[in-house]
Amino acid sequence: MELYTNWHTWRRTEPELRGLLPAPDADAVASAVEFAVRYHGDQTRPTGAPYAEHLLEALEFLVRGAGVTDPDILQAARTRRARSMTSAARSAAGWRSWSRG
């Protein structure tokens, strides 16, 4: 089983992401990352880890684990607005169920 916990910071994430996505798509995701980091600020998870770290790990799972390259889906995941994605987009990402998490 592979774990997707390598993308802890944008500095570490960005070079690999840019190697996996076309430049315009990587730019769009980068903008969403900047927004999310600014929006979540210094929020932490119950473990004490920065909340933004969790979002980067979710992005890593989508890109490296599930092979998602659709920038709209990736931006939604980064900005935590994935709940507003259409069922077609969720299906394209391989999600069978959707939690309000």
N, C-alpha and C. Protein backbone atom coordinates (compact mmCIF):
# COMPACT_ATOMS: atom_id res chain seq x y z
N MET A 1 0.84 -1.16 0.00
CA MET A 1 0.00 0.00 0.00
C MET A 1 0.90 1.25 0.00
N GLU A 2 0.57 2.17 -0.86
CA GLU A 2 1.34 3.40 -0.93
C GLU A 2 0.65 4.49 -0.12
N LEU A 3 1.45 5.25 0.61
CA LEU A 3 0.94 6.38 1.36
C LEU A 3 1.24 7.65 0.58
N TYR A 4 0.36 8.60 0.68
CA TYR A 4 0.52 9.87 -0.01
C TYR A 4 0.68 10.97 1.02
N THR A 5 1.87 11.01 1.58
CA THR A 5 2.14 11.96 2.65
C THR A 5 3.46 12.71 2.42
N ASN A 6 3.87 12.84 1.17
CA ASN A 6 5.14 13.52 0.87
C ASN A 6 4.98 15.01 0.63
N TRP A 7 3.81 15.45 0.26
CA TRP A 7 3.60 16.85 -0.08
C TRP A 7 3.13 17.61 1.15
N HIS A 8 4.07 18.00 2.00
CA HIS A 8 3.73 18.71 3.23
C HIS A 8 3.70 20.22 3.07
N THR A 9 4.53 20.69 2.16
CA THR A 9 4.63 22.14 1.95
C THR A 9 4.50 22.42 0.46
N TRP A 10 4.11 23.63 0.14
CA TRP A 10 3.99 24.00 -1.27
C TRP A 10 5.36 23.99 -1.93
N ARG A 11 6.38 24.36 -1.20
CA ARG A 11 7.75 24.34 -1.74
C ARG A 11 8.12 22.93 -2.22
N ARG A 12 7.71 21.93 -1.48
CA ARG A 12 8.00 20.54 -1.86
C ARG A 12 7.04 20.04 -2.94
N THR A 13 5.81 20.50 -2.88
CA THR A 13 4.77 20.03 -3.80
C THR A 13 4.91 20.60 -5.20
N GLU A 14 5.16 21.88 -5.28
CA GLU A 14 5.09 22.58 -6.57
C GLU A 14 5.96 21.98 -7.68
N PRO A 15 7.24 21.67 -7.45
CA PRO A 15 8.04 21.14 -8.55
C PRO A 15 7.48 19.83 -9.12
N GLU A 16 7.06 18.94 -8.24
CA GLU A 16 6.53 17.66 -8.72
C GLU A 16 5.20 17.86 -9.44
N LEU A 17 4.35 18.71 -8.88
CA LEU A 17 3.06 18.98 -9.50
C LEU A 17 3.25 19.57 -10.90
N ARG A 18 4.18 20.49 -11.02
CA ARG A 18 4.44 21.10 -12.33
C ARG A 18 5.00 20.10 -13.34
N GLY A 19 5.61 19.04 -12.86
CA GLY A 19 6.07 17.98 -13.74
C GLY A 19 4.96 17.04 -14.17
N LEU A 20 3.83 17.07 -13.46
CA LEU A 20 2.73 16.15 -13.74
C LEU A 20 1.57 16.79 -14.47
N LEU A 21 1.48 18.12 -14.45
CA LEU A 21 0.36 18.82 -15.07
C LEU A 21 0.87 19.80 -16.12
N PRO A 22 0.04 20.08 -17.13
CA PRO A 22 0.40 21.13 -18.08
C PRO A 22 0.51 22.47 -17.34
N ALA A 23 1.36 23.36 -17.85
CA ALA A 23 1.64 24.64 -17.18
C ALA A 23 0.39 25.43 -16.80
N PRO A 24 -0.59 25.60 -17.72
CA PRO A 24 -1.77 26.39 -17.33
C PRO A 24 -2.55 25.74 -16.18
N ASP A 25 -2.62 24.42 -16.16
CA ASP A 25 -3.34 23.72 -15.09
C ASP A 25 -2.57 23.83 -13.77
N ALA A 26 -1.26 23.70 -13.84
CA ALA A 26 -0.44 23.84 -12.63
C ALA A 26 -0.55 25.26 -12.08
N ASP A 27 -0.61 26.26 -12.97
CA ASP A 27 -0.77 27.65 -12.53
C ASP A 27 -2.11 27.84 -11.82
N ALA A 28 -3.17 27.23 -12.35
CA ALA A 28 -4.49 27.35 -11.74
C ALA A 28 -4.51 26.71 -10.36
N VAL A 29 -3.89 25.54 -10.24
CA VAL A 29 -3.84 24.87 -8.94
C VAL A 29 -2.97 25.68 -7.98
N ALA A 30 -1.88 26.26 -8.47
CA ALA A 30 -1.01 27.09 -7.62
C ALA A 30 -1.80 28.25 -7.03
N SER A 31 -2.65 28.87 -7.83
CA SER A 31 -3.47 29.97 -7.32
C SER A 31 -4.40 29.49 -6.22
N ALA A 32 -4.98 28.31 -6.40
CA ALA A 32 -5.87 27.75 -5.38
C ALA A 32 -5.10 27.42 -4.11
N VAL A 33 -3.88 26.93 -4.26
CA VAL A 33 -3.04 26.62 -3.09
C VAL A 33 -2.74 27.90 -2.33
N GLU A 34 -2.36 28.95 -3.03
CA GLU A 34 -2.06 30.22 -2.37
C GLU A 34 -3.28 30.73 -1.61
N PHE A 35 -4.45 30.61 -2.23
CA PHE A 35 -5.69 31.03 -1.57
C PHE A 35 -5.93 30.21 -0.31
N ALA A 36 -5.80 28.88 -0.44
CA ALA A 36 -6.08 28.00 0.70
C ALA A 36 -5.12 28.24 1.85
N VAL A 37 -3.84 28.42 1.54
CA VAL A 37 -2.86 28.67 2.59
C VAL A 37 -3.18 29.99 3.29
N ARG A 38 -3.54 30.99 2.51
CA ARG A 38 -3.88 32.29 3.09
C ARG A 38 -5.17 32.18 3.92
N TYR A 39 -6.17 31.46 3.41
CA TYR A 39 -7.47 31.34 4.07
C TYR A 39 -7.35 30.53 5.38
N HIS A 40 -6.62 29.43 5.33
CA HIS A 40 -6.52 28.57 6.51
C HIS A 40 -5.46 29.05 7.49
N GLY A 41 -4.58 29.92 7.03
CA GLY A 41 -3.61 30.55 7.92
C GLY A 41 -2.90 29.58 8.83
N ASP A 42 -3.01 29.81 10.12
CA ASP A 42 -2.30 28.96 11.07
C ASP A 42 -3.21 27.93 11.72
N GLN A 43 -4.33 27.59 11.05
CA GLN A 43 -5.20 26.54 11.57
C GLN A 43 -4.41 25.23 11.69
N THR A 44 -4.75 24.44 12.69
CA THR A 44 -4.11 23.14 12.84
C THR A 44 -5.16 22.04 12.94
N ARG A 45 -4.71 20.83 12.65
CA ARG A 45 -5.56 19.65 12.80
C ARG A 45 -5.46 19.20 14.25
N PRO A 46 -6.31 18.26 14.69
CA PRO A 46 -6.25 17.80 16.08
C PRO A 46 -4.87 17.28 16.48
N THR A 47 -4.09 16.80 15.51
CA THR A 47 -2.75 16.29 15.80
C THR A 47 -1.74 17.41 16.02
N GLY A 48 -2.14 18.65 15.70
CA GLY A 48 -1.24 19.79 15.80
C GLY A 48 -0.58 20.14 14.48
N ALA A 49 -0.74 19.27 13.47
CA ALA A 49 -0.16 19.54 12.14
C ALA A 49 -0.92 20.69 11.48
N PRO A 50 -0.22 21.49 10.70
CA PRO A 50 -0.90 22.58 9.99
C PRO A 50 -2.00 22.03 9.07
N TYR A 51 -3.15 22.70 9.06
CA TYR A 51 -4.26 22.24 8.23
C TYR A 51 -3.89 22.21 6.76
N ALA A 52 -3.10 23.19 6.32
CA ALA A 52 -2.70 23.24 4.91
C ALA A 52 -1.95 21.97 4.51
N GLU A 53 -1.24 21.36 5.44
CA GLU A 53 -0.53 20.12 5.15
C GLU A 53 -1.51 19.03 4.73
N HIS A 54 -2.62 18.94 5.43
CA HIS A 54 -3.65 17.96 5.08
C HIS A 54 -4.18 18.20 3.66
N LEU A 55 -4.40 19.45 3.32
CA LEU A 55 -4.90 19.76 1.99
C LEU A 55 -3.89 19.39 0.91
N LEU A 56 -2.61 19.61 1.18
CA LEU A 56 -1.58 19.23 0.22
C LEU A 56 -1.50 17.71 0.06
N GLU A 57 -1.68 16.98 1.16
CA GLU A 57 -1.68 15.53 1.08
C GLU A 57 -2.90 15.03 0.29
N ALA A 58 -4.04 15.70 0.44
CA ALA A 58 -5.22 15.34 -0.36
C ALA A 58 -4.95 15.61 -1.84
N LEU A 59 -4.29 16.71 -2.14
CA LEU A 59 -3.91 17.02 -3.51
C LEU A 59 -2.97 15.95 -4.05
N GLU A 60 -2.01 15.53 -3.24
CA GLU A 60 -1.08 14.48 -3.66
C GLU A 60 -1.82 13.19 -3.97
N PHE A 61 -2.77 12.82 -3.11
CA PHE A 61 -3.54 11.61 -3.35
C PHE A 61 -4.29 11.70 -4.68
N LEU A 62 -4.93 12.83 -4.91
CA LEU A 62 -5.69 12.98 -6.15
C LEU A 62 -4.79 12.86 -7.38
N VAL A 63 -3.65 13.55 -7.36
CA VAL A 63 -2.77 13.60 -8.53
C VAL A 63 -1.98 12.30 -8.69
N ARG A 64 -1.27 11.92 -7.65
CA ARG A 64 -0.38 10.75 -7.76
C ARG A 64 -1.11 9.44 -7.56
N GLY A 65 -2.09 9.41 -6.67
CA GLY A 65 -2.78 8.16 -6.37
C GLY A 65 -3.91 7.83 -7.32
N ALA A 66 -4.78 8.82 -7.57
CA ALA A 66 -5.96 8.58 -8.39
C ALA A 66 -5.76 9.03 -9.84
N GLY A 67 -4.66 9.73 -10.12
CA GLY A 67 -4.40 10.17 -11.49
C GLY A 67 -5.28 11.30 -11.97
N VAL A 68 -5.85 12.05 -11.05
CA VAL A 68 -6.72 13.17 -11.42
C VAL A 68 -5.86 14.31 -11.95
N THR A 69 -6.22 14.82 -13.11
CA THR A 69 -5.49 15.96 -13.69
C THR A 69 -6.41 17.12 -14.02
N ASP A 70 -7.70 16.97 -13.81
CA ASP A 70 -8.66 18.03 -14.11
C ASP A 70 -8.43 19.18 -13.13
N PRO A 71 -8.03 20.35 -13.64
CA PRO A 71 -7.71 21.46 -12.73
C PRO A 71 -8.89 21.92 -11.90
N ASP A 72 -10.12 21.79 -12.41
CA ASP A 72 -11.28 22.21 -11.62
C ASP A 72 -11.44 21.33 -10.39
N ILE A 73 -11.25 20.03 -10.54
CA ILE A 73 -11.35 19.12 -9.40
C ILE A 73 -10.22 19.40 -8.42
N LEU A 74 -9.01 19.59 -8.94
CA LEU A 74 -7.87 19.83 -8.06
C LEU A 74 -8.00 21.15 -7.32
N GLN A 75 -8.51 22.17 -7.97
CA GLN A 75 -8.71 23.45 -7.29
C GLN A 75 -9.77 23.33 -6.22
N ALA A 76 -10.83 22.58 -6.50
CA ALA A 76 -11.89 22.40 -5.50
C ALA A 76 -11.35 21.68 -4.28
N ALA A 77 -10.52 20.70 -4.50
CA ALA A 77 -9.94 19.96 -3.37
C ALA A 77 -9.05 20.87 -2.53
N ARG A 78 -8.32 21.74 -3.17
CA ARG A 78 -7.40 22.62 -2.45
C ARG A 78 -8.14 23.69 -1.67
N THR A 79 -9.22 24.18 -2.19
CA THR A 79 -9.91 25.27 -1.50
C THR A 79 -11.00 24.77 -0.58
N ARG A 80 -11.10 23.47 -0.45
CA ARG A 80 -12.04 22.83 0.47
C ARG A 80 -13.48 23.10 0.07
N ARG A 81 -13.66 23.40 -1.21
CA ARG A 81 -15.02 23.61 -1.70
C ARG A 81 -15.45 22.42 -2.54
N ALA A 82 -14.85 21.28 -2.30
CA ALA A 82 -15.16 20.11 -3.09
C ALA A 82 -16.62 19.69 -2.96
N ARG A 83 -17.26 20.08 -1.86
CA ARG A 83 -18.67 19.73 -1.69
C ARG A 83 -19.53 20.29 -2.80
N SER A 84 -19.07 21.39 -3.42
CA SER A 84 -19.88 22.01 -4.46
C SER A 84 -19.63 21.42 -5.84
N MET A 85 -18.74 20.42 -5.92
CA MET A 85 -18.48 19.79 -7.20
C MET A 85 -19.72 19.04 -7.67
N THR A 86 -19.89 18.96 -8.96
CA THR A 86 -21.02 18.22 -9.50
C THR A 86 -20.79 16.73 -9.32
N SER A 87 -21.85 15.96 -9.40
CA SER A 87 -21.70 14.51 -9.27
C SER A 87 -20.86 13.96 -10.41
N ALA A 88 -20.93 14.58 -11.59
CA ALA A 88 -20.12 14.13 -12.72
C ALA A 88 -18.63 14.33 -12.42
N ALA A 89 -18.28 15.45 -11.80
CA ALA A 89 -16.88 15.70 -11.45
C ALA A 89 -16.42 14.72 -10.39
N ARG A 90 -17.28 14.45 -9.40
CA ARG A 90 -16.91 13.49 -8.36
C ARG A 90 -16.72 12.11 -8.97
N SER A 91 -17.59 11.74 -9.88
CA SER A 91 -17.48 10.46 -10.54
C SER A 91 -16.20 10.37 -11.36
N ALA A 92 -15.85 11.46 -12.04
CA ALA A 92 -14.62 11.49 -12.84
C ALA A 92 -13.40 11.31 -11.95
N ALA A 93 -13.50 11.77 -10.71
CA ALA A 93 -12.39 11.64 -9.78
C ALA A 93 -12.37 10.26 -9.13
N GLY A 94 -13.38 9.44 -9.40
CA GLY A 94 -13.42 8.10 -8.85
C GLY A 94 -14.05 7.98 -7.49
N TRP A 95 -14.77 9.02 -7.06
CA TRP A 95 -15.42 8.96 -5.75
C TRP A 95 -16.80 8.36 -5.88
N ARG A 96 -17.07 7.34 -5.09
CA ARG A 96 -18.37 6.70 -5.13
C ARG A 96 -19.35 7.30 -4.13
N SER A 97 -18.82 7.75 -3.03
CA SER A 97 -19.67 8.37 -2.03
C SER A 97 -19.07 9.70 -1.66
N TRP A 98 -19.85 10.51 -1.06
CA TRP A 98 -19.40 11.85 -0.75
C TRP A 98 -19.77 12.18 0.67
N SER A 99 -18.78 12.52 1.46
CA SER A 99 -19.09 12.91 2.83
C SER A 99 -18.94 14.41 2.95
N ARG A 100 -19.57 14.96 3.92
CA ARG A 100 -19.53 16.41 4.13
C ARG A 100 -18.30 16.82 4.91
N GLY A 101 -17.44 15.87 5.32
CA GLY A 101 -16.22 16.05 6.08
C GLY A 101 -15.68 17.33 6.26
